[in-house]
Amino acid sequence: MIEIVESDRCIACDRCIEVCPTRVFDRAPDGIPVIARQDSCQTCFQCEAYCPTDALFVAPLVTPAPPDSPLRDVERLEESGLLGGYRRELGWGKGRKLGARTAVGPEYPD
């Protein structure tokens, strides 16, 4: 479930708005996307994956995190590496190695 749009990192590129299949986001007057329909989030991680500045965090939950949850604490998410973590695991972004293309899987017989 989408939990965070970090306005300090966001560059108002609208990628999250464009890729969200359920239209969770609206654009605020300052251009920064806001979570307008959190209950519509399908936890598909597309917004987080396509965010070029790692400004979004999607928690691996199907319901919103409680207000006091560490999954809503930007500082803790930054310190733990979770803010932008999905994109990093994919290998998307400057200086990152592509995860799916370089992963070593089990050997399969012909």
N, C-alpha and C. Protein backbone atom coordinates (compact mmCIF):
# COMPACT_ATOMS: atom_id res chain seq x y z
N MET A 1 0.86 -1.17 0.00
CA MET A 1 0.00 0.00 0.00
C MET A 1 0.90 1.23 0.00
N ILE A 2 0.59 2.20 -0.86
CA ILE A 2 1.37 3.43 -0.92
C ILE A 2 1.25 4.16 0.43
N GLU A 3 2.38 4.55 0.97
CA GLU A 3 2.40 5.22 2.27
C GLU A 3 3.01 6.61 2.21
N ILE A 4 4.00 6.81 1.34
CA ILE A 4 4.75 8.07 1.39
C ILE A 4 5.01 8.62 -0.01
N VAL A 5 4.80 9.93 -0.14
CA VAL A 5 5.34 10.74 -1.23
C VAL A 5 6.21 11.77 -0.53
N GLU A 6 7.52 11.62 -0.63
CA GLU A 6 8.46 12.51 0.05
C GLU A 6 8.66 13.77 -0.79
N SER A 7 8.02 14.85 -0.37
CA SER A 7 8.02 16.09 -1.16
C SER A 7 9.42 16.68 -1.31
N ASP A 8 10.33 16.43 -0.37
CA ASP A 8 11.70 16.96 -0.49
C ASP A 8 12.47 16.30 -1.63
N ARG A 9 12.10 15.09 -1.99
CA ARG A 9 12.78 14.38 -3.08
C ARG A 9 12.04 14.52 -4.41
N CYS A 10 10.74 14.74 -4.35
CA CYS A 10 9.90 14.75 -5.55
C CYS A 10 10.25 15.91 -6.47
N ILE A 11 10.29 15.63 -7.77
CA ILE A 11 10.56 16.67 -8.77
C ILE A 11 9.32 16.97 -9.62
N ALA A 12 8.17 16.48 -9.19
CA ALA A 12 6.89 16.73 -9.87
C ALA A 12 6.93 16.32 -11.34
N CYS A 13 7.51 15.15 -11.61
CA CYS A 13 7.59 14.66 -12.99
C CYS A 13 6.31 13.96 -13.44
N ASP A 14 5.44 13.61 -12.51
CA ASP A 14 4.16 12.95 -12.77
C ASP A 14 4.26 11.49 -13.21
N ARG A 15 5.43 10.88 -13.11
CA ARG A 15 5.55 9.47 -13.50
C ARG A 15 4.64 8.58 -12.65
N CYS A 16 4.55 8.86 -11.35
CA CYS A 16 3.71 8.03 -10.49
C CYS A 16 2.24 8.16 -10.89
N ILE A 17 1.84 9.36 -11.23
CA ILE A 17 0.46 9.58 -11.66
C ILE A 17 0.19 8.82 -12.96
N GLU A 18 1.16 8.84 -13.87
CA GLU A 18 1.00 8.19 -15.18
C GLU A 18 0.96 6.68 -15.08
N VAL A 19 1.77 6.07 -14.22
CA VAL A 19 1.87 4.61 -14.20
C VAL A 19 0.88 3.93 -13.27
N CYS A 20 0.26 4.67 -12.37
CA CYS A 20 -0.65 4.05 -11.41
C CYS A 20 -1.90 3.53 -12.11
N PRO A 21 -2.14 2.21 -12.05
CA PRO A 21 -3.29 1.65 -12.75
C PRO A 21 -4.64 1.98 -12.10
N THR A 22 -4.63 2.41 -10.85
CA THR A 22 -5.89 2.68 -10.16
C THR A 22 -6.07 4.16 -9.79
N ARG A 23 -5.22 5.02 -10.34
CA ARG A 23 -5.35 6.48 -10.16
C ARG A 23 -5.38 6.89 -8.69
N VAL A 24 -4.40 6.43 -7.94
CA VAL A 24 -4.31 6.71 -6.51
C VAL A 24 -3.94 8.18 -6.25
N PHE A 25 -3.17 8.77 -7.16
CA PHE A 25 -2.60 10.10 -6.93
C PHE A 25 -3.39 11.22 -7.59
N ASP A 26 -3.36 12.39 -6.95
CA ASP A 26 -3.78 13.66 -7.54
C ASP A 26 -2.59 14.59 -7.47
N ARG A 27 -2.60 15.61 -8.29
CA ARG A 27 -1.54 16.61 -8.26
C ARG A 27 -1.98 17.76 -7.37
N ALA A 28 -1.16 18.10 -6.40
CA ALA A 28 -1.44 19.24 -5.51
C ALA A 28 -1.16 20.54 -6.25
N PRO A 29 -1.64 21.66 -5.75
CA PRO A 29 -1.39 22.95 -6.41
C PRO A 29 0.10 23.25 -6.63
N ASP A 30 0.97 22.73 -5.76
CA ASP A 30 2.41 22.96 -5.93
C ASP A 30 3.04 21.98 -6.93
N GLY A 31 2.24 21.08 -7.51
CA GLY A 31 2.73 20.13 -8.51
C GLY A 31 3.14 18.79 -7.95
N ILE A 32 3.31 18.70 -6.65
CA ILE A 32 3.72 17.45 -6.01
C ILE A 32 2.51 16.52 -5.92
N PRO A 33 2.64 15.27 -6.34
CA PRO A 33 1.53 14.33 -6.22
C PRO A 33 1.18 14.08 -4.75
N VAL A 34 -0.09 13.87 -4.51
CA VAL A 34 -0.58 13.51 -3.18
C VAL A 34 -1.34 12.20 -3.28
N ILE A 35 -1.33 11.46 -2.20
CA ILE A 35 -2.07 10.20 -2.14
C ILE A 35 -3.53 10.57 -1.89
N ALA A 36 -4.35 10.46 -2.91
CA ALA A 36 -5.74 10.89 -2.82
C ALA A 36 -6.71 9.74 -2.56
N ARG A 37 -6.36 8.56 -3.03
CA ARG A 37 -7.24 7.41 -2.89
C ARG A 37 -6.42 6.18 -2.47
N GLN A 38 -5.88 6.24 -1.27
CA GLN A 38 -5.02 5.17 -0.79
C GLN A 38 -5.72 3.82 -0.81
N ASP A 39 -7.01 3.81 -0.52
CA ASP A 39 -7.74 2.54 -0.50
C ASP A 39 -7.83 1.90 -1.88
N SER A 40 -7.51 2.63 -2.94
CA SER A 40 -7.50 2.07 -4.29
C SER A 40 -6.16 1.44 -4.66
N CYS A 41 -5.15 1.63 -3.83
CA CYS A 41 -3.82 1.11 -4.12
C CYS A 41 -3.84 -0.42 -4.15
N GLN A 42 -3.26 -0.98 -5.21
CA GLN A 42 -3.19 -2.43 -5.36
C GLN A 42 -1.83 -3.00 -4.94
N THR A 43 -0.98 -2.14 -4.39
CA THR A 43 0.36 -2.54 -3.95
C THR A 43 1.13 -3.19 -5.10
N CYS A 44 1.04 -2.57 -6.28
CA CYS A 44 1.73 -3.10 -7.45
C CYS A 44 3.17 -2.60 -7.55
N PHE A 45 3.52 -1.57 -6.78
CA PHE A 45 4.87 -1.01 -6.71
C PHE A 45 5.30 -0.26 -7.97
N GLN A 46 4.40 -0.08 -8.93
CA GLN A 46 4.77 0.61 -10.16
C GLN A 46 5.20 2.05 -9.90
N CYS A 47 4.48 2.75 -9.04
CA CYS A 47 4.84 4.14 -8.75
C CYS A 47 6.24 4.21 -8.17
N GLU A 48 6.54 3.34 -7.22
CA GLU A 48 7.87 3.34 -6.59
C GLU A 48 8.94 2.96 -7.61
N ALA A 49 8.65 2.00 -8.45
CA ALA A 49 9.63 1.55 -9.44
C ALA A 49 9.97 2.64 -10.45
N TYR A 50 8.99 3.41 -10.86
CA TYR A 50 9.21 4.42 -11.90
C TYR A 50 9.63 5.79 -11.37
N CYS A 51 9.62 5.99 -10.06
CA CYS A 51 10.00 7.29 -9.50
C CYS A 51 11.51 7.51 -9.67
N PRO A 52 11.91 8.51 -10.45
CA PRO A 52 13.34 8.70 -10.72
C PRO A 52 14.14 9.23 -9.55
N THR A 53 13.48 9.69 -8.50
CA THR A 53 14.20 10.26 -7.36
C THR A 53 13.98 9.48 -6.07
N ASP A 54 13.40 8.30 -6.15
CA ASP A 54 13.14 7.46 -4.97
C ASP A 54 12.36 8.22 -3.90
N ALA A 55 11.33 8.93 -4.34
CA ALA A 55 10.53 9.75 -3.42
C ALA A 55 9.30 9.02 -2.88
N LEU A 56 9.07 7.81 -3.33
CA LEU A 56 7.86 7.09 -2.93
C LEU A 56 8.21 5.84 -2.14
N PHE A 57 7.29 5.48 -1.25
CA PHE A 57 7.45 4.22 -0.53
C PHE A 57 6.12 3.49 -0.54
N VAL A 58 6.15 2.27 -1.03
CA VAL A 58 5.00 1.37 -1.01
C VAL A 58 5.31 0.29 0.01
N ALA A 59 4.51 0.21 1.05
CA ALA A 59 4.68 -0.83 2.08
C ALA A 59 4.08 -2.14 1.56
N PRO A 60 4.68 -3.25 1.90
CA PRO A 60 4.15 -4.54 1.46
C PRO A 60 2.95 -4.96 2.29
N LEU A 61 1.94 -4.11 2.29
CA LEU A 61 0.71 -4.33 3.07
C LEU A 61 -0.50 -4.17 2.16
N VAL A 62 -1.59 -4.77 2.53
CA VAL A 62 -2.83 -4.60 1.76
C VAL A 62 -3.79 -3.62 2.40
N THR A 63 -3.44 -3.13 3.57
CA THR A 63 -4.21 -2.09 4.25
C THR A 63 -3.24 -1.00 4.69
N PRO A 64 -3.71 0.21 4.89
CA PRO A 64 -2.81 1.29 5.31
C PRO A 64 -2.12 0.97 6.64
N ALA A 65 -0.87 1.41 6.74
CA ALA A 65 -0.12 1.26 7.99
C ALA A 65 -0.72 2.21 9.03
N PRO A 66 -0.67 1.84 10.30
CA PRO A 66 -1.17 2.75 11.34
C PRO A 66 -0.37 4.06 11.32
N PRO A 67 -0.97 5.16 11.77
CA PRO A 67 -0.29 6.46 11.74
C PRO A 67 1.08 6.48 12.43
N ASP A 68 1.26 5.68 13.48
CA ASP A 68 2.52 5.67 14.22
C ASP A 68 3.48 4.58 13.73
N SER A 69 3.20 3.97 12.61
CA SER A 69 4.02 2.88 12.09
C SER A 69 5.37 3.38 11.59
N PRO A 70 6.42 2.60 11.76
CA PRO A 70 7.72 2.93 11.18
C PRO A 70 7.66 3.00 9.64
N LEU A 71 6.64 2.37 9.06
CA LEU A 71 6.48 2.41 7.60
C LEU A 71 5.97 3.75 7.10
N ARG A 72 5.71 4.67 8.01
CA ARG A 72 5.32 6.03 7.66
C ARG A 72 6.34 7.07 8.12
N ASP A 73 7.46 6.60 8.64
CA ASP A 73 8.51 7.47 9.17
C ASP A 73 9.62 7.61 8.13
N VAL A 74 9.67 8.76 7.46
CA VAL A 74 10.61 8.96 6.36
C VAL A 74 12.06 8.79 6.82
N GLU A 75 12.41 9.34 7.96
CA GLU A 75 13.78 9.22 8.44
C GLU A 75 14.19 7.77 8.65
N ARG A 76 13.31 6.99 9.27
CA ARG A 76 13.62 5.58 9.49
C ARG A 76 13.71 4.81 8.17
N LEU A 77 12.84 5.15 7.23
CA LEU A 77 12.89 4.48 5.93
C LEU A 77 14.16 4.83 5.18
N GLU A 78 14.61 6.08 5.27
CA GLU A 78 15.86 6.48 4.63
C GLU A 78 17.04 5.76 5.27
N GLU A 79 17.08 5.75 6.60
CA GLU A 79 18.19 5.10 7.32
C GLU A 79 18.27 3.61 7.02
N SER A 80 17.13 2.97 6.90
CA SER A 80 17.10 1.52 6.66
C SER A 80 17.30 1.16 5.19
N GLY A 81 17.25 2.17 4.31
CA GLY A 81 17.39 1.90 2.89
C GLY A 81 16.11 1.47 2.21
N LEU A 82 15.00 1.55 2.93
CA LEU A 82 13.72 1.14 2.33
C LEU A 82 13.12 2.19 1.40
N LEU A 83 13.39 3.47 1.64
CA LEU A 83 12.87 4.51 0.74
C LEU A 83 13.63 4.38 -0.58
N GLY A 84 12.93 4.00 -1.62
CA GLY A 84 13.56 3.73 -2.92
C GLY A 84 14.14 2.33 -3.02
N GLY A 85 13.89 1.50 -2.03
CA GLY A 85 14.47 0.17 -2.00
C GLY A 85 14.01 -0.75 -3.11
N TYR A 86 12.76 -0.66 -3.51
CA TYR A 86 12.24 -1.53 -4.57
C TYR A 86 12.94 -1.22 -5.88
N ARG A 87 13.09 0.05 -6.19
CA ARG A 87 13.77 0.49 -7.41
C ARG A 87 15.23 0.04 -7.39
N ARG A 88 15.85 0.14 -6.24
CA ARG A 88 17.25 -0.28 -6.11
C ARG A 88 17.37 -1.79 -6.37
N GLU A 89 16.44 -2.58 -5.82
CA GLU A 89 16.48 -4.03 -6.04
C GLU A 89 16.29 -4.38 -7.51
N LEU A 90 15.49 -3.60 -8.20
CA LEU A 90 15.31 -3.82 -9.64
C LEU A 90 16.56 -3.46 -10.43
N GLY A 91 17.39 -2.60 -9.82
CA GLY A 91 18.57 -2.12 -10.53
C GLY A 91 18.28 -0.91 -11.39
N TRP A 92 17.15 -0.24 -11.13
CA TRP A 92 16.78 0.93 -11.91
C TRP A 92 17.40 2.16 -11.28
N GLY A 93 17.97 3.01 -12.09
CA GLY A 93 18.56 4.25 -11.60
C GLY A 93 20.05 4.31 -11.92
N LYS A 94 20.55 5.51 -12.01
CA LYS A 94 21.95 5.75 -12.37
C LYS A 94 22.89 5.02 -11.41
N GLY A 95 23.83 4.31 -11.99
CA GLY A 95 24.85 3.63 -11.20
C GLY A 95 24.42 2.31 -10.59
N ARG A 96 23.24 1.84 -10.90
CA ARG A 96 22.76 0.58 -10.34
C ARG A 96 22.82 -0.52 -11.37
N LYS A 97 23.12 -1.72 -10.93
CA LYS A 97 23.15 -2.88 -11.83
C LYS A 97 21.75 -3.47 -11.92
N LEU A 98 21.35 -3.84 -13.10
CA LEU A 98 20.03 -4.42 -13.30
C LEU A 98 19.91 -5.74 -12.56
N GLY A 99 18.96 -5.81 -11.66
CA GLY A 99 18.78 -7.00 -10.84
C GLY A 99 18.32 -8.20 -11.63
N ALA A 100 17.26 -8.06 -12.41
CA ALA A 100 16.68 -9.19 -13.12
C ALA A 100 17.62 -9.73 -14.20
N ARG A 101 18.35 -8.84 -14.85
CA ARG A 101 19.23 -9.29 -15.94
C ARG A 101 20.52 -9.91 -15.45
N THR A 102 20.90 -9.61 -14.25
CA THR A 102 22.18 -10.13 -13.74
C THR A 102 22.00 -11.20 -12.67
N ALA A 103 20.78 -11.51 -12.33
CA ALA A 103 20.52 -12.51 -11.29
C ALA A 103 20.94 -13.89 -11.80
N VAL A 104 21.52 -14.65 -10.91
CA VAL A 104 21.93 -16.01 -11.26
C VAL A 104 20.87 -16.94 -10.69
N GLY A 105 20.25 -17.69 -11.56
CA GLY A 105 19.21 -18.61 -11.12
C GLY A 105 19.69 -20.05 -11.16
N PRO A 106 18.82 -20.97 -10.80
CA PRO A 106 19.21 -22.38 -10.82
C PRO A 106 19.40 -22.87 -12.25
N GLU A 107 20.22 -23.85 -12.39
CA GLU A 107 20.44 -24.47 -13.70
C GLU A 107 19.27 -25.39 -14.02
N TYR A 108 18.77 -25.29 -15.21
CA TYR A 108 17.66 -26.16 -15.64
C TYR A 108 18.16 -27.12 -16.71
N PRO A 109 17.79 -28.37 -16.62
CA PRO A 109 18.21 -29.33 -17.65
C PRO A 109 17.52 -29.04 -18.97
N ASP A 110 18.18 -29.36 -20.04
CA ASP A 110 17.60 -29.15 -21.38
C ASP A 110 16.48 -30.12 -21.66
